[in-house]
Amino acid sequence: MPAVLDVKDESTSGTIHRRFTLQFPTENITVRELIRERVYQEVDDYNRKSSEGGGVFQGLIQPTDAEVALNGFKLKKRRQIDWKPQYEKACDAYTKNQILILAGDRQTSSLDETIQITRGTEVTFLRLVMLVGG
């Protein structure tokens, strides 16, 4: 039976932007596996909708040649997105502390850290916005 993980995207002010679930074949996953599955699923969902005429990419990482839109990113030209570059950018953002991942009530600290999925386990993604000074 697959392990089901509740995931949410939250702002630093506490606003929840999106909730969804991910399934994994085992109850122990690494942060790297979590990011990979999330990004793969987001890209796959977009690519399927895009072939049907859908438009906004709702994902963790802004695709190249896309602009911020309400509830996601709008690609300037309709195309399929490759999940691998998105995954690499997400891992890089995590290692640079541009994205924080909370597993339950604790912050994860490395891509190789293990998360145990039990009933009610929730993971929160916080995307940090860099401040620009003058």
N, C-alpha and C. Protein backbone atom coordinates (compact mmCIF):
# COMPACT_ATOMS: atom_id res chain seq x y z
N MET A 1 0.85 -1.18 0.00
CA MET A 1 0.00 0.00 0.00
C MET A 1 0.89 1.25 0.00
N PRO A 2 0.64 2.18 -0.91
CA PRO A 2 1.49 3.37 -0.97
C PRO A 2 1.32 4.27 0.24
N ALA A 3 2.39 4.97 0.58
CA ALA A 3 2.35 5.95 1.66
C ALA A 3 1.89 7.28 1.06
N VAL A 4 0.91 7.91 1.70
CA VAL A 4 0.35 9.17 1.20
C VAL A 4 0.82 10.30 2.09
N LEU A 5 1.36 11.34 1.45
CA LEU A 5 1.90 12.48 2.16
C LEU A 5 1.08 13.72 1.83
N ASP A 6 0.63 14.44 2.85
CA ASP A 6 -0.06 15.71 2.67
C ASP A 6 0.97 16.80 2.50
N VAL A 7 0.81 17.63 1.47
CA VAL A 7 1.77 18.68 1.15
C VAL A 7 1.01 20.00 1.05
N LYS A 8 1.66 21.07 1.53
CA LYS A 8 1.07 22.39 1.35
C LYS A 8 2.16 23.39 1.03
N ASP A 9 1.78 24.39 0.26
CA ASP A 9 2.64 25.54 -0.03
C ASP A 9 2.13 26.68 0.84
N GLU A 10 3.04 27.28 1.57
CA GLU A 10 2.66 28.32 2.51
C GLU A 10 3.61 29.51 2.38
N SER A 11 3.07 30.70 2.60
CA SER A 11 3.92 31.89 2.61
C SER A 11 4.48 32.08 4.01
N THR A 12 5.47 32.93 4.12
CA THR A 12 6.06 33.19 5.43
C THR A 12 5.08 33.89 6.36
N SER A 13 4.01 34.46 5.80
CA SER A 13 2.98 35.09 6.64
C SER A 13 1.94 34.08 7.13
N GLY A 14 2.04 32.84 6.66
CA GLY A 14 1.12 31.80 7.10
C GLY A 14 -0.03 31.52 6.15
N THR A 15 -0.09 32.23 5.03
CA THR A 15 -1.14 31.99 4.04
C THR A 15 -0.85 30.71 3.29
N ILE A 16 -1.83 29.82 3.23
CA ILE A 16 -1.68 28.56 2.49
C ILE A 16 -2.16 28.80 1.06
N HIS A 17 -1.26 28.58 0.11
CA HIS A 17 -1.57 28.83 -1.30
C HIS A 17 -2.10 27.60 -2.02
N ARG A 18 -1.69 26.43 -1.55
CA ARG A 18 -2.07 25.21 -2.26
C ARG A 18 -1.89 24.00 -1.35
N ARG A 19 -2.81 23.06 -1.47
CA ARG A 19 -2.72 21.78 -0.75
C ARG A 19 -2.90 20.65 -1.77
N PHE A 20 -2.13 19.57 -1.57
CA PHE A 20 -2.24 18.41 -2.44
C PHE A 20 -1.61 17.22 -1.74
N THR A 21 -1.73 16.04 -2.31
CA THR A 21 -1.11 14.84 -1.75
C THR A 21 -0.17 14.24 -2.78
N LEU A 22 0.83 13.54 -2.28
CA LEU A 22 1.76 12.78 -3.11
C LEU A 22 1.81 11.36 -2.57
N GLN A 23 1.98 10.40 -3.46
CA GLN A 23 2.09 9.00 -3.04
C GLN A 23 3.51 8.49 -3.28
N PHE A 24 3.97 7.67 -2.34
CA PHE A 24 5.31 7.09 -2.41
C PHE A 24 5.19 5.59 -2.16
N PRO A 25 6.09 4.78 -2.75
CA PRO A 25 6.02 3.34 -2.55
C PRO A 25 6.45 2.88 -1.16
N THR A 26 7.19 3.72 -0.44
CA THR A 26 7.65 3.36 0.90
C THR A 26 7.32 4.47 1.89
N GLU A 27 7.43 4.16 3.18
CA GLU A 27 7.13 5.14 4.22
C GLU A 27 8.33 6.01 4.57
N ASN A 28 9.51 5.66 4.10
CA ASN A 28 10.71 6.46 4.35
C ASN A 28 11.22 7.01 3.03
N ILE A 29 11.28 8.33 2.94
CA ILE A 29 11.75 9.00 1.73
C ILE A 29 12.79 10.04 2.13
N THR A 30 13.60 10.44 1.17
CA THR A 30 14.54 11.54 1.43
C THR A 30 13.90 12.84 0.94
N VAL A 31 14.45 13.94 1.38
CA VAL A 31 14.00 15.25 0.90
C VAL A 31 14.17 15.31 -0.61
N ARG A 32 15.25 14.77 -1.11
CA ARG A 32 15.51 14.74 -2.56
C ARG A 32 14.38 14.01 -3.29
N GLU A 33 13.96 12.86 -2.76
CA GLU A 33 12.87 12.09 -3.37
C GLU A 33 11.55 12.87 -3.31
N LEU A 34 11.33 13.58 -2.22
CA LEU A 34 10.14 14.41 -2.08
C LEU A 34 10.11 15.48 -3.16
N ILE A 35 11.21 16.19 -3.32
CA ILE A 35 11.28 17.25 -4.33
C ILE A 35 11.11 16.66 -5.73
N ARG A 36 11.78 15.54 -5.98
CA ARG A 36 11.68 14.90 -7.30
C ARG A 36 10.24 14.54 -7.63
N GLU A 37 9.55 13.89 -6.71
CA GLU A 37 8.17 13.46 -6.97
C GLU A 37 7.25 14.66 -7.15
N ARG A 38 7.44 15.67 -6.32
CA ARG A 38 6.61 16.87 -6.43
C ARG A 38 6.79 17.53 -7.79
N VAL A 39 8.03 17.78 -8.17
CA VAL A 39 8.31 18.46 -9.43
C VAL A 39 7.83 17.61 -10.61
N TYR A 40 8.10 16.32 -10.58
CA TYR A 40 7.67 15.44 -11.66
C TYR A 40 6.16 15.50 -11.83
N GLN A 41 5.43 15.42 -10.73
CA GLN A 41 3.96 15.43 -10.78
C GLN A 41 3.43 16.76 -11.31
N GLU A 42 4.02 17.87 -10.84
CA GLU A 42 3.58 19.20 -11.31
C GLU A 42 3.78 19.35 -12.82
N VAL A 43 4.95 18.94 -13.29
CA VAL A 43 5.24 19.05 -14.72
C VAL A 43 4.34 18.12 -15.53
N ASP A 44 4.14 16.91 -15.05
CA ASP A 44 3.28 15.96 -15.75
C ASP A 44 1.84 16.50 -15.82
N ASP A 45 1.34 17.03 -14.73
CA ASP A 45 -0.01 17.62 -14.72
C ASP A 45 -0.11 18.75 -15.74
N TYR A 46 0.88 19.64 -15.74
CA TYR A 46 0.86 20.77 -16.67
C TYR A 46 0.92 20.28 -18.12
N ASN A 47 1.83 19.36 -18.41
CA ASN A 47 2.00 18.89 -19.78
C ASN A 47 0.73 18.24 -20.31
N ARG A 48 0.02 17.49 -19.45
CA ARG A 48 -1.24 16.88 -19.88
C ARG A 48 -2.29 17.96 -20.15
N LYS A 49 -2.40 18.95 -19.25
CA LYS A 49 -3.37 20.03 -19.43
C LYS A 49 -2.99 20.90 -20.63
N SER A 50 -1.71 21.11 -20.83
CA SER A 50 -1.24 21.95 -21.94
C SER A 50 -1.63 21.35 -23.28
N SER A 51 -1.54 20.03 -23.39
CA SER A 51 -1.91 19.38 -24.65
C SER A 51 -3.42 19.49 -24.89
N GLU A 52 -4.18 19.78 -23.82
CA GLU A 52 -5.62 19.97 -23.94
C GLU A 52 -5.99 21.46 -23.99
N GLY A 53 -4.96 22.34 -24.05
CA GLY A 53 -5.22 23.77 -24.14
C GLY A 53 -5.13 24.52 -22.81
N GLY A 54 -4.67 23.86 -21.74
CA GLY A 54 -4.52 24.51 -20.43
C GLY A 54 -3.39 25.52 -20.46
N GLY A 55 -3.30 26.40 -19.43
CA GLY A 55 -2.35 27.47 -19.55
C GLY A 55 -1.40 27.75 -18.42
N VAL A 56 -1.80 27.73 -17.17
CA VAL A 56 -0.95 28.18 -16.06
C VAL A 56 -0.26 26.99 -15.41
N PHE A 57 1.06 27.11 -15.26
CA PHE A 57 1.85 26.09 -14.58
C PHE A 57 1.85 26.39 -13.09
N GLN A 58 1.31 25.47 -12.30
CA GLN A 58 1.33 25.62 -10.84
C GLN A 58 2.44 24.74 -10.32
N GLY A 59 3.57 25.38 -10.01
CA GLY A 59 4.71 24.59 -9.60
C GLY A 59 5.61 25.32 -8.63
N LEU A 60 6.53 24.57 -8.10
CA LEU A 60 7.48 25.09 -7.12
C LEU A 60 8.48 26.05 -7.76
N ILE A 61 8.91 25.76 -8.99
CA ILE A 61 9.95 26.52 -9.66
C ILE A 61 9.40 27.14 -10.95
N GLN A 62 9.70 28.40 -11.16
CA GLN A 62 9.27 29.10 -12.36
C GLN A 62 10.03 28.58 -13.58
N PRO A 63 9.32 28.09 -14.59
CA PRO A 63 10.00 27.62 -15.80
C PRO A 63 10.69 28.76 -16.54
N THR A 64 11.72 28.42 -17.30
CA THR A 64 12.38 29.39 -18.16
C THR A 64 11.36 29.94 -19.14
N ASP A 65 11.45 31.22 -19.44
CA ASP A 65 10.55 31.89 -20.37
C ASP A 65 9.10 31.87 -19.89
N ALA A 66 8.92 32.10 -18.59
CA ALA A 66 7.58 32.19 -18.02
C ALA A 66 7.51 33.43 -17.14
N GLU A 67 6.31 33.92 -16.95
CA GLU A 67 6.12 35.08 -16.08
C GLU A 67 5.14 34.72 -14.98
N VAL A 68 5.25 35.42 -13.88
CA VAL A 68 4.37 35.17 -12.74
C VAL A 68 2.95 35.52 -13.13
N ALA A 69 2.03 34.64 -12.80
CA ALA A 69 0.60 34.86 -13.07
C ALA A 69 -0.16 34.51 -11.79
N LEU A 70 -1.42 34.81 -11.79
CA LEU A 70 -2.26 34.46 -10.65
C LEU A 70 -2.24 32.94 -10.48
N ASN A 71 -1.87 32.48 -9.30
CA ASN A 71 -1.83 31.04 -8.96
C ASN A 71 -0.86 30.23 -9.81
N GLY A 72 0.25 30.84 -10.24
CA GLY A 72 1.24 30.05 -10.96
C GLY A 72 2.09 30.87 -11.89
N PHE A 73 2.52 30.22 -12.98
CA PHE A 73 3.40 30.85 -13.97
C PHE A 73 2.81 30.65 -15.35
N LYS A 74 2.80 31.69 -16.15
CA LYS A 74 2.28 31.64 -17.52
C LYS A 74 3.45 31.60 -18.48
N LEU A 75 3.53 30.54 -19.27
CA LEU A 75 4.58 30.44 -20.28
C LEU A 75 4.25 31.37 -21.43
N LYS A 76 5.27 32.05 -21.93
CA LYS A 76 5.06 33.01 -23.02
C LYS A 76 4.63 32.30 -24.30
N LYS A 77 5.11 31.08 -24.48
CA LYS A 77 4.75 30.28 -25.64
C LYS A 77 4.38 28.88 -25.14
N ARG A 78 3.22 28.38 -25.57
CA ARG A 78 2.79 27.07 -25.10
C ARG A 78 3.79 26.01 -25.56
N ARG A 79 4.25 25.20 -24.59
CA ARG A 79 5.22 24.14 -24.88
C ARG A 79 5.18 23.13 -23.74
N GLN A 80 5.78 21.99 -23.98
CA GLN A 80 5.94 20.98 -22.94
C GLN A 80 7.12 21.39 -22.06
N ILE A 81 7.02 21.13 -20.77
CA ILE A 81 8.10 21.43 -19.82
C ILE A 81 8.84 20.13 -19.53
N ASP A 82 10.15 20.20 -19.46
CA ASP A 82 10.98 19.05 -19.09
C ASP A 82 11.15 19.07 -17.57
N TRP A 83 10.82 17.98 -16.90
CA TRP A 83 10.84 17.96 -15.44
C TRP A 83 12.26 18.00 -14.87
N LYS A 84 13.25 17.47 -15.59
CA LYS A 84 14.60 17.38 -15.03
C LYS A 84 15.23 18.73 -14.70
N PRO A 85 15.19 19.72 -15.62
CA PRO A 85 15.73 21.03 -15.24
C PRO A 85 14.96 21.68 -14.09
N GLN A 86 13.66 21.45 -14.04
CA GLN A 86 12.86 21.99 -12.94
C GLN A 86 13.30 21.37 -11.61
N TYR A 87 13.53 20.06 -11.63
CA TYR A 87 13.99 19.34 -10.45
C TYR A 87 15.36 19.84 -10.00
N GLU A 88 16.28 20.02 -10.95
CA GLU A 88 17.62 20.50 -10.61
C GLU A 88 17.57 21.90 -10.01
N LYS A 89 16.72 22.76 -10.57
CA LYS A 89 16.56 24.12 -10.03
C LYS A 89 15.96 24.07 -8.62
N ALA A 90 15.02 23.18 -8.40
CA ALA A 90 14.40 23.06 -7.08
C ALA A 90 15.41 22.58 -6.04
N CYS A 91 16.22 21.59 -6.38
CA CYS A 91 17.26 21.11 -5.46
C CYS A 91 18.26 22.22 -5.16
N ASP A 92 18.64 22.97 -6.19
CA ASP A 92 19.57 24.07 -6.01
C ASP A 92 18.96 25.14 -5.10
N ALA A 93 17.71 25.48 -5.32
CA ALA A 93 17.03 26.48 -4.48
C ALA A 93 16.96 26.00 -3.03
N TYR A 94 16.73 24.72 -2.83
CA TYR A 94 16.69 24.17 -1.47
C TYR A 94 18.06 24.29 -0.79
N THR A 95 19.12 23.92 -1.50
CA THR A 95 20.45 23.97 -0.89
C THR A 95 20.89 25.40 -0.63
N LYS A 96 20.34 26.37 -1.36
CA LYS A 96 20.65 27.78 -1.15
C LYS A 96 19.68 28.46 -0.17
N ASN A 97 18.84 27.67 0.48
CA ASN A 97 17.86 28.16 1.46
C ASN A 97 16.86 29.15 0.86
N GLN A 98 16.57 29.00 -0.42
CA GLN A 98 15.52 29.80 -1.03
C GLN A 98 14.16 29.12 -0.87
N ILE A 99 14.20 27.83 -0.57
CA ILE A 99 13.02 27.04 -0.27
C ILE A 99 13.29 26.30 1.02
N LEU A 100 12.37 26.41 1.96
CA LEU A 100 12.46 25.65 3.20
C LEU A 100 11.40 24.57 3.17
N ILE A 101 11.74 23.41 3.72
CA ILE A 101 10.78 22.32 3.80
C ILE A 101 10.65 21.93 5.27
N LEU A 102 9.41 21.98 5.75
CA LEU A 102 9.11 21.57 7.11
C LEU A 102 8.40 20.23 7.06
N ALA A 103 8.93 19.26 7.79
CA ALA A 103 8.31 17.94 7.90
C ALA A 103 7.71 17.86 9.29
N GLY A 104 6.39 17.95 9.36
CA GLY A 104 5.75 18.05 10.66
C GLY A 104 6.11 19.40 11.27
N ASP A 105 6.73 19.38 12.43
CA ASP A 105 7.07 20.64 13.10
C ASP A 105 8.57 20.94 13.07
N ARG A 106 9.32 20.23 12.21
CA ARG A 106 10.77 20.49 12.16
C ARG A 106 11.21 20.82 10.75
N GLN A 107 12.24 21.65 10.67
CA GLN A 107 12.79 22.03 9.37
C GLN A 107 13.81 21.00 8.92
N THR A 108 13.71 20.58 7.67
CA THR A 108 14.70 19.65 7.13
C THR A 108 15.98 20.42 6.85
N SER A 109 17.10 19.69 6.81
CA SER A 109 18.38 20.39 6.68
C SER A 109 19.25 19.91 5.52
N SER A 110 18.89 18.81 4.88
CA SER A 110 19.70 18.35 3.74
C SER A 110 18.84 17.53 2.79
N LEU A 111 19.31 17.43 1.56
CA LEU A 111 18.58 16.67 0.55
C LEU A 111 18.54 15.18 0.88
N ASP A 112 19.52 14.70 1.66
CA ASP A 112 19.58 13.29 2.00
C ASP A 112 18.89 12.94 3.32
N GLU A 113 18.31 13.94 3.97
CA GLU A 113 17.60 13.70 5.23
C GLU A 113 16.36 12.84 4.96
N THR A 114 16.08 11.92 5.86
CA THR A 114 14.94 11.01 5.72
C THR A 114 13.70 11.59 6.40
N ILE A 115 12.58 11.45 5.72
CA ILE A 115 11.28 11.82 6.26
C ILE A 115 10.48 10.53 6.37
N GLN A 116 9.91 10.28 7.53
CA GLN A 116 9.07 9.11 7.71
C GLN A 116 7.62 9.53 7.53
N ILE A 117 6.93 8.84 6.63
CA ILE A 117 5.53 9.15 6.34
C ILE A 117 4.65 8.26 7.21
N THR A 118 3.91 8.88 8.11
CA THR A 118 2.93 8.18 8.91
C THR A 118 1.58 8.88 8.71
N ARG A 119 0.54 8.30 9.24
CA ARG A 119 -0.79 8.91 9.10
C ARG A 119 -0.73 10.33 9.68
N GLY A 120 -1.16 11.29 8.90
CA GLY A 120 -1.19 12.67 9.36
C GLY A 120 0.09 13.45 9.14
N THR A 121 1.13 12.82 8.57
CA THR A 121 2.36 13.56 8.30
C THR A 121 2.07 14.62 7.24
N GLU A 122 2.51 15.84 7.54
CA GLU A 122 2.31 16.94 6.61
C GLU A 122 3.64 17.61 6.34
N VAL A 123 3.87 17.95 5.09
CA VAL A 123 5.09 18.64 4.69
C VAL A 123 4.70 20.00 4.15
N THR A 124 5.44 21.02 4.59
CA THR A 124 5.18 22.38 4.16
C THR A 124 6.38 22.91 3.38
N PHE A 125 6.09 23.48 2.22
CA PHE A 125 7.11 24.15 1.42
C PHE A 125 6.94 25.65 1.62
N LEU A 126 8.02 26.31 2.03
CA LEU A 126 8.04 27.77 2.17
C LEU A 126 9.03 28.31 1.15
N ARG A 127 8.54 29.11 0.23
CA ARG A 127 9.41 29.74 -0.77
C ARG A 127 9.76 31.12 -0.24
N LEU A 128 11.04 31.35 0.00
CA LEU A 128 11.48 32.62 0.55
C LEU A 128 11.70 33.63 -0.56
N VAL A 129 11.30 34.85 -0.30
CA VAL A 129 11.47 35.94 -1.27
C VAL A 129 12.65 36.77 -0.81
N MET A 130 13.60 36.91 -1.70
CA MET A 130 14.78 37.70 -1.36
C MET A 130 14.42 39.18 -1.39
N LEU A 131 14.85 39.91 -0.39
CA LEU A 131 14.61 41.35 -0.33
C LEU A 131 15.66 42.07 -1.16
N VAL A 132 15.23 43.10 -1.86
CA VAL A 132 16.14 43.89 -2.68
C VAL A 132 16.35 45.23 -1.99
N GLY A 133 17.59 45.57 -1.76
CA GLY A 133 17.92 46.84 -1.12
C GLY A 133 18.36 47.89 -2.12
N GLY A 134 18.38 49.12 -1.67
CA GLY A 134 18.61 50.17 -2.63
C GLY A 134 19.91 50.80 -2.62
